[in-house]
């Protein structure tokens, strides 16, 4: 009997590229079916059971039942992320209206938590596609994420780097996304099951960093040095003790502000 394919949702953002790289280049090709989605769509496919695992906004762990976290891996930012920003025409404490990039779920929550708790403002929010001129035409500020945020012109605007804000507030890194696996995902007929493949894919990605940087240079327009720094210093892929502590704090705040139903312990594969 043929084994059931394991369906993986892949995000085509630069920050996820090293995690995805092995899978995109044939790792476990006999086991995995790859599907490509925006982060928010990836979460919806996982919730609906259309995929078995995906790199998903961390907030969705609280919203989707019966998920397991791949241990040791995440998309985090130790201090400054550069690809998740609020771009504002006014200082943060004067923001009354905020356009939210609909591509992400975690950043949308983090942006509002920071404005409420750190700056004492609760702006009216509107979901929009990531088009900065359109967003700022009707709002004081715009939340942008991913490659669009990296490309956005920032002259003359206040720039709030969300990971930097979180770090200076809490002293902790911020965890934007996790590899999440449905409890009913098929078992892979290999020793150790599915978990080692996620680690192997990242190891291949880190080995191939120059190729990832070269490809990004053409699409994002940053220099090689900036991109190399982004993938090795602004982004971290290790889910360690500080990252778990940060997740617990973020989850507690998100639930208190009504962005998720209830806290739950981190459960791992």
Protein backbone atom coordinates (compact mmCIF):
# COMPACT_ATOMS: atom_id res chain seq x y z
CA UNK A 1 0.00 0.00 0.00
CA UNK A 2 1.27 3.48 -0.89
CA UNK A 3 1.78 5.84 2.01
CA UNK A 4 -0.37 8.99 2.12
CA UNK A 5 1.54 12.11 0.99
CA UNK A 6 2.36 14.61 3.71
CA UNK A 7 1.06 18.02 2.55
CA UNK A 8 3.28 20.96 3.43
CA UNK A 9 2.31 24.62 3.14
CA UNK A 10 5.30 26.72 2.09
CA UNK A 11 5.60 30.51 2.45
CA UNK A 12 7.56 32.31 -0.25
CA UNK A 13 8.84 35.11 2.00
CA UNK A 14 12.56 35.63 2.34
CA UNK A 15 12.51 35.07 6.11
CA UNK A 16 11.12 31.56 5.59
CA UNK A 17 13.45 30.70 2.70
CA UNK A 18 16.12 28.84 4.72
CA UNK A 19 13.44 26.73 6.49
CA UNK A 20 11.84 25.82 3.16
CA UNK A 21 14.97 25.38 1.10
CA UNK A 22 15.51 21.65 1.52
CA UNK A 23 11.87 20.86 0.77
CA UNK A 24 11.85 23.10 -2.31
CA UNK A 25 14.96 21.33 -3.60
CA UNK A 26 13.77 17.77 -3.35
CA UNK A 27 14.28 16.75 0.29
CA UNK A 28 11.86 13.90 1.01
CA UNK A 29 10.22 14.38 -2.40
CA UNK A 30 8.74 10.89 -2.15
CA UNK A 31 6.86 11.86 1.05
CA UNK A 32 5.89 15.53 0.68
CA UNK A 33 3.45 17.46 -1.48
CA UNK A 34 4.32 21.19 -1.43
CA UNK A 35 1.69 23.92 -1.63
CA UNK A 36 2.60 27.62 -1.76
CA UNK A 37 0.61 30.19 0.24
CA UNK A 38 0.66 33.60 1.95
CA UNK A 39 1.14 33.25 5.74
CA UNK A 40 -2.53 34.02 6.47
CA UNK A 41 -3.73 31.54 3.81
CA UNK A 42 -1.31 28.96 5.15
CA UNK A 43 -3.02 29.18 8.56
CA UNK A 44 -6.47 28.79 7.00
CA UNK A 45 -5.40 25.70 4.99
CA UNK A 46 -3.96 24.15 8.14
CA UNK A 47 -7.15 24.88 10.10
CA UNK A 48 -9.28 23.35 7.32
CA UNK A 49 -7.13 20.22 7.08
CA UNK A 50 -6.09 20.95 3.48
CA UNK A 51 -2.44 20.70 4.55
CA UNK A 52 -0.79 18.68 7.33
CA UNK A 53 1.87 21.21 8.36
CA UNK A 54 2.99 24.74 7.63
CA UNK A 55 5.08 27.66 8.80
CA UNK A 56 2.31 29.54 10.54
CA UNK A 57 1.93 32.85 12.41
CA UNK A 58 2.56 32.02 16.07
CA UNK A 59 -0.80 33.49 17.24
CA UNK A 60 -2.60 30.77 15.23
CA UNK A 61 -1.30 28.14 17.66
CA UNK A 62 -3.89 29.49 20.12
CA UNK A 63 -6.66 29.68 17.54
CA UNK A 64 -6.40 26.32 15.74
CA UNK A 65 -7.06 23.22 17.85
CA UNK A 66 -4.89 20.09 18.00
CA UNK A 67 -1.60 21.38 16.66
CA UNK A 68 1.91 20.27 17.57
CA UNK A 69 5.02 22.47 17.31
CA UNK A 70 8.13 21.15 15.58
CA UNK A 71 10.64 21.40 18.46
CA UNK A 72 13.64 23.68 18.18
CA UNK A 73 12.55 25.63 15.09
CA UNK A 74 10.77 28.96 14.52
CA UNK A 75 11.08 32.29 12.74
CA UNK A 76 12.18 34.71 15.45
CA UNK A 77 13.95 38.01 15.67
CA UNK A 78 16.50 38.45 18.47
CA UNK A 79 16.26 42.24 18.43
CA UNK A 80 15.51 44.10 15.19
CA UNK A 81 13.61 42.43 12.35
CA UNK A 82 13.43 45.09 9.56
CA UNK A 83 10.64 43.25 7.71
CA UNK A 84 7.76 43.87 10.16
CA UNK A 85 7.21 47.59 10.56
CA UNK A 86 4.63 50.26 11.30
CA UNK A 87 5.24 53.17 8.93
CA UNK A 88 3.55 56.28 10.28
CA UNK A 89 2.99 59.91 9.33
CA UNK A 90 2.76 60.81 13.06
CA UNK A 91 4.63 59.72 16.22
CA UNK A 92 3.36 56.37 17.63
CA UNK A 93 1.45 57.95 20.52
CA UNK A 94 -0.55 60.05 18.02
CA UNK A 95 -1.68 57.17 15.78
CA UNK A 96 -5.49 57.19 15.59
CA UNK A 97 -6.01 55.05 12.47
CA UNK A 98 -3.94 52.08 11.31
CA UNK A 99 -4.08 50.11 8.06
CA UNK A 100 -3.15 46.44 8.62
CA UNK A 101 -1.41 44.30 6.00
CA UNK A 102 -3.75 41.30 5.75
CA UNK A 103 -0.91 38.88 4.87
CA UNK A 104 -0.03 38.20 8.50
CA UNK A 105 -1.88 37.37 11.70
CA UNK A 106 0.79 37.59 14.43
CA UNK A 107 2.14 40.99 13.36
CA UNK A 108 -1.38 42.42 13.36
CA UNK A 109 -1.78 41.39 17.02
CA UNK A 110 1.72 42.51 18.01
CA UNK A 111 1.24 45.95 16.39
CA UNK A 112 -1.96 46.58 18.34
CA UNK A 113 -0.52 45.26 21.63
CA UNK A 114 2.48 47.57 21.33
CA UNK A 115 0.37 50.61 20.50
CA UNK A 116 -2.09 49.91 23.34
CA UNK A 117 0.32 48.88 26.10
CA UNK A 118 3.46 50.83 25.17
CA UNK A 119 2.04 53.98 23.63
CA UNK A 120 -1.44 54.15 25.20
CA UNK A 121 -3.38 54.39 21.94
CA UNK A 122 -6.06 52.12 20.47
CA UNK A 123 -6.32 53.20 16.84
CA UNK A 124 -9.19 52.29 14.55
CA UNK A 125 -7.90 49.52 12.26
CA UNK A 126 -8.67 48.57 8.66
CA UNK A 127 -7.48 45.45 6.82
CA UNK A 128 -5.81 46.28 3.49
CA UNK A 129 -3.54 44.79 0.88
CA UNK A 130 0.13 45.82 1.21
CA UNK A 131 0.00 49.03 -0.85
CA UNK A 132 1.71 51.75 1.20
CA UNK A 133 0.47 54.89 -0.65
CA UNK A 134 -3.14 53.65 -0.52
CA UNK A 135 -2.78 52.68 3.15
CA UNK A 136 -1.34 56.04 4.19
CA UNK A 137 -3.75 58.05 2.09
CA UNK A 138 -6.61 57.14 4.44
CA UNK A 139 -4.74 56.31 7.69
CA UNK A 140 -2.13 57.78 10.04
CA UNK A 141 -0.03 54.63 9.82
CA UNK A 142 0.37 51.29 8.06
CA UNK A 143 1.60 47.90 9.25
CA UNK A 144 3.63 46.15 6.55
CA UNK A 145 5.29 42.76 6.67
CA UNK A 146 7.62 40.55 4.66
CA UNK A 147 9.22 41.41 1.36
CA UNK A 148 6.81 44.33 0.73
CA UNK A 149 7.92 45.92 4.01
CA UNK A 150 11.56 45.49 3.03
CA UNK A 151 10.95 47.23 -0.30
CA UNK A 152 8.72 50.04 1.03
CA UNK A 153 10.10 53.61 0.81
CA UNK A 154 10.47 54.94 4.36
CA UNK A 155 11.67 58.53 3.83
CA UNK A 156 9.78 61.10 5.90
CA UNK A 157 7.92 58.46 7.94
CA UNK A 158 8.23 57.28 11.53
CA UNK A 159 9.43 53.67 11.41
CA UNK A 160 8.52 51.30 14.25
CA UNK A 161 10.36 47.98 13.97
CA UNK A 162 8.01 45.64 15.83
CA UNK A 163 10.65 43.17 17.05
CA UNK A 164 12.85 46.03 18.23
CA UNK A 165 9.88 47.54 20.10
CA UNK A 166 9.07 44.18 21.72
CA UNK A 167 12.73 43.63 22.67
CA UNK A 168 13.19 47.05 24.27
CA UNK A 169 9.89 46.52 26.14
CA UNK A 170 10.42 42.90 27.34
CA UNK A 171 14.13 42.16 26.80
CA UNK A 172 13.10 39.07 24.80
CA UNK A 173 13.33 37.96 21.17
CA UNK A 174 10.02 37.84 19.28
CA UNK A 175 8.68 34.66 17.69
CA UNK A 176 6.77 35.43 14.51
CA UNK A 177 6.10 31.93 13.20
CA UNK A 178 6.32 28.24 14.03
CA UNK A 179 6.34 25.00 12.06
CA UNK A 180 2.95 23.63 13.14
CA UNK A 181 1.71 20.10 12.44
CA UNK A 182 -1.86 18.80 12.71
CA UNK A 183 -2.40 16.00 15.19
CA UNK A 184 -4.06 13.91 12.46
CA UNK A 185 -1.12 14.33 10.04
CA UNK A 186 -0.01 11.06 8.42
CA UNK A 187 2.91 9.18 9.97
CA UNK A 188 5.96 8.98 7.71
CA UNK A 189 7.23 5.42 7.30
CA UNK A 190 10.79 6.41 8.29
CA UNK A 191 12.76 6.25 11.55
CA UNK A 192 12.12 9.36 13.65
CA UNK A 193 9.02 10.28 11.62
CA UNK A 194 8.55 13.72 10.12
CA UNK A 195 10.36 15.98 12.63
CA UNK A 196 13.97 15.42 11.39
CA UNK A 197 12.99 16.55 7.87
CA UNK A 198 12.20 20.08 9.11
CA UNK A 199 15.64 20.37 10.71
CA UNK A 200 17.33 18.90 7.64
CA UNK A 201 15.54 21.38 5.34
CA UNK A 202 16.90 24.30 7.40
CA UNK A 203 20.42 22.84 7.46
CA UNK A 204 20.34 22.62 3.65
CA UNK A 205 19.04 26.22 3.51
CA UNK A 206 21.82 27.56 5.73
CA UNK A 207 24.38 25.73 3.57
CA UNK A 208 22.86 27.35 0.50
CA UNK A 209 22.59 30.87 1.97
CA UNK A 210 24.61 32.53 -0.83
CA UNK A 211 22.11 31.20 -3.41
CA UNK A 212 19.14 32.40 -1.32
CA UNK A 213 20.77 35.84 -0.94
CA UNK A 214 21.48 36.07 -4.68
CA UNK A 215 17.87 35.29 -5.56
CA UNK A 216 16.59 37.82 -3.00
CA UNK A 217 18.93 40.53 -4.27
CA UNK A 218 17.10 40.45 -7.59
CA UNK A 219 13.60 40.63 -6.09
CA UNK A 220 14.06 42.83 -2.99
CA UNK A 221 16.84 45.14 -4.09
CA UNK A 222 18.87 45.16 -0.87
CA UNK A 223 22.62 44.62 -1.10
CA UNK A 224 24.13 41.18 -0.55
CA UNK A 225 25.58 42.34 2.77
CA UNK A 226 22.19 43.62 3.99
CA UNK A 227 20.47 40.40 2.97
CA UNK A 228 23.14 38.22 4.53
CA UNK A 229 22.82 40.22 7.75
CA UNK A 230 19.03 39.97 7.62
CA UNK A 231 19.07 36.17 7.38
CA UNK A 232 21.79 35.63 9.98
CA UNK A 233 21.29 38.49 12.49
CA UNK A 234 17.78 39.96 12.15
CA UNK A 235 16.16 36.53 11.84
CA UNK A 236 16.87 33.49 13.98
CA UNK A 237 15.50 29.99 13.44
CA UNK A 238 16.13 28.53 16.91
CA UNK A 239 13.22 27.98 19.30
CA UNK A 240 15.13 28.06 22.59
CA UNK A 241 14.30 28.97 26.16
CA UNK A 242 14.08 32.77 25.63
CA UNK A 243 11.85 32.23 22.59
CA UNK A 244 9.49 29.97 24.55
CA UNK A 245 9.35 32.52 27.37
CA UNK A 246 8.55 35.23 24.83
CA UNK A 247 5.78 33.14 23.25
CA UNK A 248 4.17 32.59 26.67
CA UNK A 249 4.23 36.34 27.38
CA UNK A 250 2.87 37.24 23.93
CA UNK A 251 0.10 34.62 24.25
CA UNK A 252 -0.86 35.90 27.71
CA UNK A 253 -1.13 39.50 26.42
CA UNK A 254 -2.97 38.44 23.23
CA UNK A 255 -5.60 36.55 25.24
CA UNK A 256 -5.99 39.44 27.72
CA UNK A 257 -6.70 41.81 24.81
CA UNK A 258 -9.16 39.41 23.19
CA UNK A 259 -7.04 38.41 20.17
CA UNK A 260 -7.20 34.68 20.99
CA UNK A 261 -9.64 32.50 22.94
CA UNK A 262 -7.37 31.13 25.67
CA UNK A 263 -3.80 30.31 26.55
CA UNK A 264 -2.55 26.77 26.15
CA UNK A 265 0.71 25.02 26.90
CA UNK A 266 3.25 24.52 24.11
CA UNK A 267 2.89 20.96 22.82
CA UNK A 268 5.65 19.54 20.69
CA UNK A 269 5.91 16.78 18.10
